[in-house]
């Protein structure tokens, strides 16, 4: 499967689970991409802002993610570094609980659901597990998220978060970015 090049910018409007917005910019760095974005949200009466700068290699494996967060509790920052072989350091400290993860998934972001789709390039009818280094919105805590993607046809994928049982059918565009993430976000640009 081949994707069109990423757009220069994209945006999503959060739905249902939270109120907010996400804006992202894509910049090629040779055959890598540098992705910068910001999300804002109101969830259960709490507000937050999450900013991110993420580098992905030619296979769309996340190699570095610098994440900042702000809420009424103050400002936070965390850095994740992947070696490309599924091993991670979080703020410079080895994170063996993330072994086998190739993607960063930000709780606050619809854009990060592009990483496993780009990386795996599934054929129609194929599926695969895609555990991720999952970063929470409010406190930037880094957890392991067990998830599964299955390409059901065209640009549609069945998504399952096996830890909490959340599932949805995600619709992507020709560049491999989410257009519709039911109950979570819809593409605005």
C-alpha atoms as a PDB file:
ATOM      1  CA  UNK A   1       0.000   0.000   0.000  1.00  0.00           C
ATOM      2  CA  UNK A   2       1.282   3.442  -0.935  1.00  0.00           C
ATOM      3  CA  UNK A   3       0.189   6.684   0.695  1.00  0.00           C
ATOM      4  CA  UNK A   4       0.168  10.163  -0.803  1.00  0.00           C
ATOM      5  CA  UNK A   5       2.628  12.559   0.843  1.00  0.00           C
ATOM      6  CA  UNK A   6       1.351  14.146   4.061  1.00  0.00           C
ATOM      7  CA  UNK A   7      -0.337  17.533   3.711  1.00  0.00           C
ATOM      8  CA  UNK A   8       1.568  20.562   5.002  1.00  0.00           C
ATOM      9  CA  UNK A   9      -1.009  20.934   7.769  1.00  0.00           C
ATOM     10  CA  UNK A  10      -4.087  19.175   9.120  1.00  0.00           C
ATOM     11  CA  UNK A  11      -6.629  19.790  11.885  1.00  0.00           C
ATOM     12  CA  UNK A  12      -9.191  17.800  13.864  1.00  0.00           C
ATOM     13  CA  UNK A  13     -12.142  18.766  16.032  1.00  0.00           C
ATOM     14  CA  UNK A  14     -12.553  16.599  19.132  1.00  0.00           C
ATOM     15  CA  UNK A  15     -15.958  15.007  19.677  1.00  0.00           C
ATOM     16  CA  UNK A  16     -17.944  13.523  22.554  1.00  0.00           C
ATOM     17  CA  UNK A  17     -15.120  12.230  24.795  1.00  0.00           C
ATOM     18  CA  UNK A  18     -13.675  15.743  25.014  1.00  0.00           C
ATOM     19  CA  UNK A  19     -14.174  19.190  23.537  1.00  0.00           C
ATOM     20  CA  UNK A  20     -11.199  20.723  21.773  1.00  0.00           C
ATOM     21  CA  UNK A  21      -9.083  21.014  18.683  1.00  0.00           C
ATOM     22  CA  UNK A  22      -5.810  19.719  17.218  1.00  0.00           C
ATOM     23  CA  UNK A  23      -3.578  21.394  14.628  1.00  0.00           C
ATOM     24  CA  UNK A  24      -0.481  19.754  13.150  1.00  0.00           C
ATOM     25  CA  UNK A  25       2.292  20.619  10.662  1.00  0.00           C
ATOM     26  CA  UNK A  26       4.336  18.082   8.665  1.00  0.00           C
ATOM     27  CA  UNK A  27       7.874  18.851   7.545  1.00  0.00           C
ATOM     28  CA  UNK A  28      10.028  16.417   5.558  1.00  0.00           C
ATOM     29  CA  UNK A  29      13.598  15.990   6.800  1.00  0.00           C
ATOM     30  CA  UNK A  30      15.210  13.986   4.006  1.00  0.00           C
ATOM     31  CA  UNK A  31      13.260  10.724   4.082  1.00  0.00           C
ATOM     32  CA  UNK A  32      12.139  11.304   7.708  1.00  0.00           C
ATOM     33  CA  UNK A  33       9.260  13.537   8.882  1.00  0.00           C
ATOM     34  CA  UNK A  34       9.217  16.085  11.670  1.00  0.00           C
ATOM     35  CA  UNK A  35       5.668  16.553  12.947  1.00  0.00           C
ATOM     36  CA  UNK A  36       4.691  19.432  15.223  1.00  0.00           C
ATOM     37  CA  UNK A  37       1.275  19.968  16.697  1.00  0.00           C
ATOM     38  CA  UNK A  38      -0.839  21.124  19.563  1.00  0.00           C
ATOM     39  CA  UNK A  39      -4.083  19.888  21.046  1.00  0.00           C
ATOM     40  CA  UNK A  40      -6.419  21.575  23.480  1.00  0.00           C
ATOM     41  CA  UNK A  41      -9.169  19.968  25.443  1.00  0.00           C
ATOM     42  CA  UNK A  42     -11.872  20.186  28.032  1.00  0.00           C
ATOM     43  CA  UNK A  43     -12.668  16.807  29.526  1.00  0.00           C
ATOM     44  CA  UNK A  44     -14.854  16.217  32.586  1.00  0.00           C
ATOM     45  CA  UNK A  45     -14.498  19.887  33.530  1.00  0.00           C
ATOM     46  CA  UNK A  46     -10.681  19.890  33.298  1.00  0.00           C
ATOM     47  CA  UNK A  47      -8.749  21.842  30.678  1.00  0.00           C
ATOM     48  CA  UNK A  48      -5.385  20.937  29.162  1.00  0.00           C
ATOM     49  CA  UNK A  49      -2.982  21.795  26.351  1.00  0.00           C
ATOM     50  CA  UNK A  50      -0.585  19.255  24.868  1.00  0.00           C
ATOM     51  CA  UNK A  51       2.145  20.274  22.423  1.00  0.00           C
ATOM     52  CA  UNK A  52       4.301  17.797  20.555  1.00  0.00           C
ATOM     53  CA  UNK A  53       7.253  17.474  18.207  1.00  0.00           C
ATOM     54  CA  UNK A  54       7.642  13.953  16.823  1.00  0.00           C
ATOM     55  CA  UNK A  55      10.222  12.528  14.411  1.00  0.00           C
ATOM     56  CA  UNK A  56       9.445   9.403  12.387  1.00  0.00           C
ATOM     57  CA  UNK A  57      11.964   7.516  10.260  1.00  0.00           C
ATOM     58  CA  UNK A  58      11.393   6.391   6.630  1.00  0.00           C
ATOM     59  CA  UNK A  59       9.339   3.386   7.847  1.00  0.00           C
ATOM     60  CA  UNK A  60       7.197   5.707  10.011  1.00  0.00           C
ATOM     61  CA  UNK A  61       8.649   4.252  13.203  1.00  0.00           C
ATOM     62  CA  UNK A  62       8.618   6.903  15.938  1.00  0.00           C
ATOM     63  CA  UNK A  63      12.182   7.756  16.890  1.00  0.00           C
ATOM     64  CA  UNK A  64      11.731  10.809  19.123  1.00  0.00           C
ATOM     65  CA  UNK A  65       8.796  12.606  20.736  1.00  0.00           C
ATOM     66  CA  UNK A  66       9.053  15.759  22.811  1.00  0.00           C
ATOM     67  CA  UNK A  67       5.768  16.406  24.575  1.00  0.00           C
ATOM     68  CA  UNK A  68       4.729  19.356  26.707  1.00  0.00           C
ATOM     69  CA  UNK A  69       1.576  19.699  28.732  1.00  0.00           C
ATOM     70  CA  UNK A  70      -0.186  22.360  30.687  1.00  0.00           C
ATOM     71  CA  UNK A  71      -3.192  22.184  32.990  1.00  0.00           C
ATOM     72  CA  UNK A  72      -4.328  23.859  36.211  1.00  0.00           C
ATOM     73  CA  UNK A  73      -1.814  21.575  37.944  1.00  0.00           C
ATOM     74  CA  UNK A  74       1.094  23.257  36.096  1.00  0.00           C
ATOM     75  CA  UNK A  75       3.420  22.542  33.192  1.00  0.00           C
ATOM     76  CA  UNK A  76       5.054  19.238  32.328  1.00  0.00           C
ATOM     77  CA  UNK A  77       7.516  17.945  29.755  1.00  0.00           C
ATOM     78  CA  UNK A  78       8.560  14.455  28.718  1.00  0.00           C
ATOM     79  CA  UNK A  79      10.808  13.061  25.998  1.00  0.00           C
ATOM     80  CA  UNK A  80      10.542   9.594  24.469  1.00  0.00           C
ATOM     81  CA  UNK A  81      13.364   8.183  22.362  1.00  0.00           C
ATOM     82  CA  UNK A  82      12.986   4.965  20.369  1.00  0.00           C
ATOM     83  CA  UNK A  83      15.881   3.019  18.879  1.00  0.00           C
ATOM     84  CA  UNK A  84      13.807   1.767  15.916  1.00  0.00           C
ATOM     85  CA  UNK A  85      13.952  -1.806  17.235  1.00  0.00           C
ATOM     86  CA  UNK A  86      11.164  -1.443  19.806  1.00  0.00           C
ATOM     87  CA  UNK A  87      13.203  -0.206  22.796  1.00  0.00           C
ATOM     88  CA  UNK A  88      12.573   3.129  24.510  1.00  0.00           C
ATOM     89  CA  UNK A  89      13.979   5.691  26.874  1.00  0.00           C
ATOM     90  CA  UNK A  90      11.612   8.031  28.700  1.00  0.00           C
ATOM     91  CA  UNK A  91      13.350  11.178  29.908  1.00  0.00           C
ATOM     92  CA  UNK A  92      16.670   9.399  29.405  1.00  0.00           C
ATOM     93  CA  UNK A  93      15.732   6.337  31.476  1.00  0.00           C
ATOM     94  CA  UNK A  94      15.265   2.883  29.852  1.00  0.00           C
ATOM     95  CA  UNK A  95      11.570   1.924  29.717  1.00  0.00           C
ATOM     96  CA  UNK A  96      11.399  -1.886  29.347  1.00  0.00           C
ATOM     97  CA  UNK A  97       7.587  -1.840  29.790  1.00  0.00           C
ATOM     98  CA  UNK A  98       7.485  -0.329  26.265  1.00  0.00           C
ATOM     99  CA  UNK A  99       9.585  -3.070  24.614  1.00  0.00           C
ATOM    100  CA  UNK A 100       8.018  -4.063  21.311  1.00  0.00           C
ATOM    101  CA  UNK A 101       6.324  -0.696  20.727  1.00  0.00           C
ATOM    102  CA  UNK A 102       7.178   1.194  17.535  1.00  0.00           C
ATOM    103  CA  UNK A 103       4.701   4.063  17.779  1.00  0.00           C
ATOM    104  CA  UNK A 104       3.890   6.920  20.130  1.00  0.00           C
ATOM    105  CA  UNK A 105       0.159   7.415  20.657  1.00  0.00           C
ATOM    106  CA  UNK A 106      -0.943  10.600  22.379  1.00  0.00           C
ATOM    107  CA  UNK A 107      -4.246  10.326  24.236  1.00  0.00           C
ATOM    108  CA  UNK A 108      -4.983  13.887  23.110  1.00  0.00           C
ATOM    109  CA  UNK A 109      -4.264  13.316  19.402  1.00  0.00           C
ATOM    110  CA  UNK A 110      -6.124  11.908  16.408  1.00  0.00           C
ATOM    111  CA  UNK A 111      -3.021  12.386  14.255  1.00  0.00           C
ATOM    112  CA  UNK A 112      -0.918   9.771  16.049  1.00  0.00           C
ATOM    113  CA  UNK A 113      -3.265   7.025  14.820  1.00  0.00           C
ATOM    114  CA  UNK A 114      -1.529   7.499  11.460  1.00  0.00           C
ATOM    115  CA  UNK A 115       1.744   6.023  12.691  1.00  0.00           C
ATOM    116  CA  UNK A 116       0.813   2.308  12.857  1.00  0.00           C
ATOM    117  CA  UNK A 117      -1.214   2.508   9.624  1.00  0.00           C
ATOM    118  CA  UNK A 118       1.765   4.002   7.759  1.00  0.00           C
ATOM    119  CA  UNK A 119       4.244   1.655   9.386  1.00  0.00           C
ATOM    120  CA  UNK A 120       2.294  -1.595   8.865  1.00  0.00           C
ATOM    121  CA  UNK A 121       0.850  -0.836   5.380  1.00  0.00           C
ATOM    122  CA  UNK A 122      -1.774  -3.562   5.787  1.00  0.00           C
ATOM    123  CA  UNK A 123      -3.460  -5.162   2.792  1.00  0.00           C
ATOM    124  CA  UNK A 124      -7.263  -5.293   2.767  1.00  0.00           C
ATOM    125  CA  UNK A 125      -8.321  -8.143   5.067  1.00  0.00           C
ATOM    126  CA  UNK A 126      -5.060  -8.116   7.042  1.00  0.00           C
ATOM    127  CA  UNK A 127      -4.662  -7.099  10.670  1.00  0.00           C
ATOM    128  CA  UNK A 128      -1.900  -6.732  13.211  1.00  0.00           C
ATOM    129  CA  UNK A 129      -1.238  -5.872  16.824  1.00  0.00           C
ATOM    130  CA  UNK A 130       0.347  -2.438  17.253  1.00  0.00           C
ATOM    131  CA  UNK A 131       1.268  -1.801  20.898  1.00  0.00           C
ATOM    132  CA  UNK A 132       2.205   1.830  21.495  1.00  0.00           C
ATOM    133  CA  UNK A 133       3.913   4.111  23.977  1.00  0.00           C
ATOM    134  CA  UNK A 134       0.764   5.899  25.165  1.00  0.00           C
ATOM    135  CA  UNK A 135       1.055   9.389  26.660  1.00  0.00           C
ATOM    136  CA  UNK A 136      -1.801  10.629  28.868  1.00  0.00           C
ATOM    137  CA  UNK A 137      -3.167  14.167  28.342  1.00  0.00           C
ATOM    138  CA  UNK A 138      -3.337  15.541  31.878  1.00  0.00           C
ATOM    139  CA  UNK A 139      -0.089  14.322  33.433  1.00  0.00           C
ATOM    140  CA  UNK A 140       1.944  13.044  30.426  1.00  0.00           C
ATOM    141  CA  UNK A 141       2.259   9.639  32.106  1.00  0.00           C
ATOM    142  CA  UNK A 142       3.691   7.091  29.650  1.00  0.00           C
ATOM    143  CA  UNK A 143       1.998   3.685  29.560  1.00  0.00           C
ATOM    144  CA  UNK A 144       1.912   0.722  27.227  1.00  0.00           C
ATOM    145  CA  UNK A 145      -1.274   0.606  25.112  1.00  0.00           C
ATOM    146  CA  UNK A 146      -2.194  -2.729  23.549  1.00  0.00           C
ATOM    147  CA  UNK A 147      -4.102  -2.146  20.314  1.00  0.00           C
ATOM    148  CA  UNK A 148      -5.000  -3.904  17.078  1.00  0.00           C
ATOM    149  CA  UNK A 149      -5.655  -2.557  13.567  1.00  0.00           C
ATOM    150  CA  UNK A 150      -7.376  -4.497  10.768  1.00  0.00           C
ATOM    151  CA  UNK A 151      -7.864  -3.053   7.288  1.00  0.00           C
ATOM    152  CA  UNK A 152     -11.436  -3.831   6.277  1.00  0.00           C
ATOM    153  CA  UNK A 153     -11.524  -2.134   2.884  1.00  0.00           C
ATOM    154  CA  UNK A 154     -10.356   0.926   1.057  1.00  0.00           C
ATOM    155  CA  UNK A 155      -9.218   3.406   3.696  1.00  0.00           C
ATOM    156  CA  UNK A 156     -11.222   1.900   6.600  1.00  0.00           C
ATOM    157  CA  UNK A 157      -9.687   0.096   9.564  1.00  0.00           C
ATOM    158  CA  UNK A 158     -11.225  -1.673  12.530  1.00  0.00           C
ATOM    159  CA  UNK A 159      -9.451  -0.450  15.646  1.00  0.00           C
ATOM    160  CA  UNK A 160      -9.432  -2.211  19.014  1.00  0.00           C
ATOM    161  CA  UNK A 161      -7.772  -1.094  22.227  1.00  0.00           C
ATOM    162  CA  UNK A 162      -7.441  -4.513  23.821  1.00  0.00           C
ATOM    163  CA  UNK A 163      -6.770  -3.142  27.308  1.00  0.00           C
ATOM    164  CA  UNK A 164     -10.113  -1.384  27.751  1.00  0.00           C
ATOM    165  CA  UNK A 165     -12.108  -2.971  24.926  1.00  0.00           C
ATOM    166  CA  UNK A 166     -12.693   0.321  23.076  1.00  0.00           C
ATOM    167  CA  UNK A 167     -13.343  -0.287  19.392  1.00  0.00           C
ATOM    168  CA  UNK A 168     -14.226   1.838  16.387  1.00  0.00           C
ATOM    169  CA  UNK A 169     -14.003   1.825  12.622  1.00  0.00           C
ATOM    170  CA  UNK A 170     -11.544   4.527  11.596  1.00  0.00           C
ATOM    171  CA  UNK A 171     -11.655   6.150   8.157  1.00  0.00           C
ATOM    172  CA  UNK A 172      -8.393   7.521   6.723  1.00  0.00           C
ATOM    173  CA  UNK A 173      -7.581   9.770   3.753  1.00  0.00           C
ATOM    174  CA  UNK A 174      -5.215   8.984   0.855  1.00  0.00           C
ATOM    175  CA  UNK A 175      -2.294  10.289   2.934  1.00  0.00           C
ATOM    176  CA  UNK A 176      -3.053   7.832   5.753  1.00  0.00           C
ATOM    177  CA  UNK A 177      -4.460  10.309   8.280  1.00  0.00           C
ATOM    178  CA  UNK A 178      -7.702   9.856  10.206  1.00  0.00           C
ATOM    179  CA  UNK A 179     -10.737  11.574   8.705  1.00  0.00           C
ATOM    180  CA  UNK A 180     -13.314  10.113  11.094  1.00  0.00           C
ATOM    181  CA  UNK A 181     -12.604   8.619  14.514  1.00  0.00           C
ATOM    182  CA  UNK A 182     -16.126   7.957  15.873  1.00  0.00           C
ATOM    183  CA  UNK A 183     -16.713   9.517  19.280  1.00  0.00           C
ATOM    184  CA  UNK A 184     -13.180  10.968  19.360  1.00  0.00           C
ATOM    185  CA  UNK A 185     -12.429  13.344  16.454  1.00  0.00           C
ATOM    186  CA  UNK A 186     -13.322  14.412  12.932  1.00  0.00           C
ATOM    187  CA  UNK A 187     -11.000  16.022  10.410  1.00  0.00           C
ATOM    188  CA  UNK A 188     -11.568  19.776  10.081  1.00  0.00           C
ATOM    189  CA  UNK A 189      -8.842  20.439   7.464  1.00  0.00           C
END
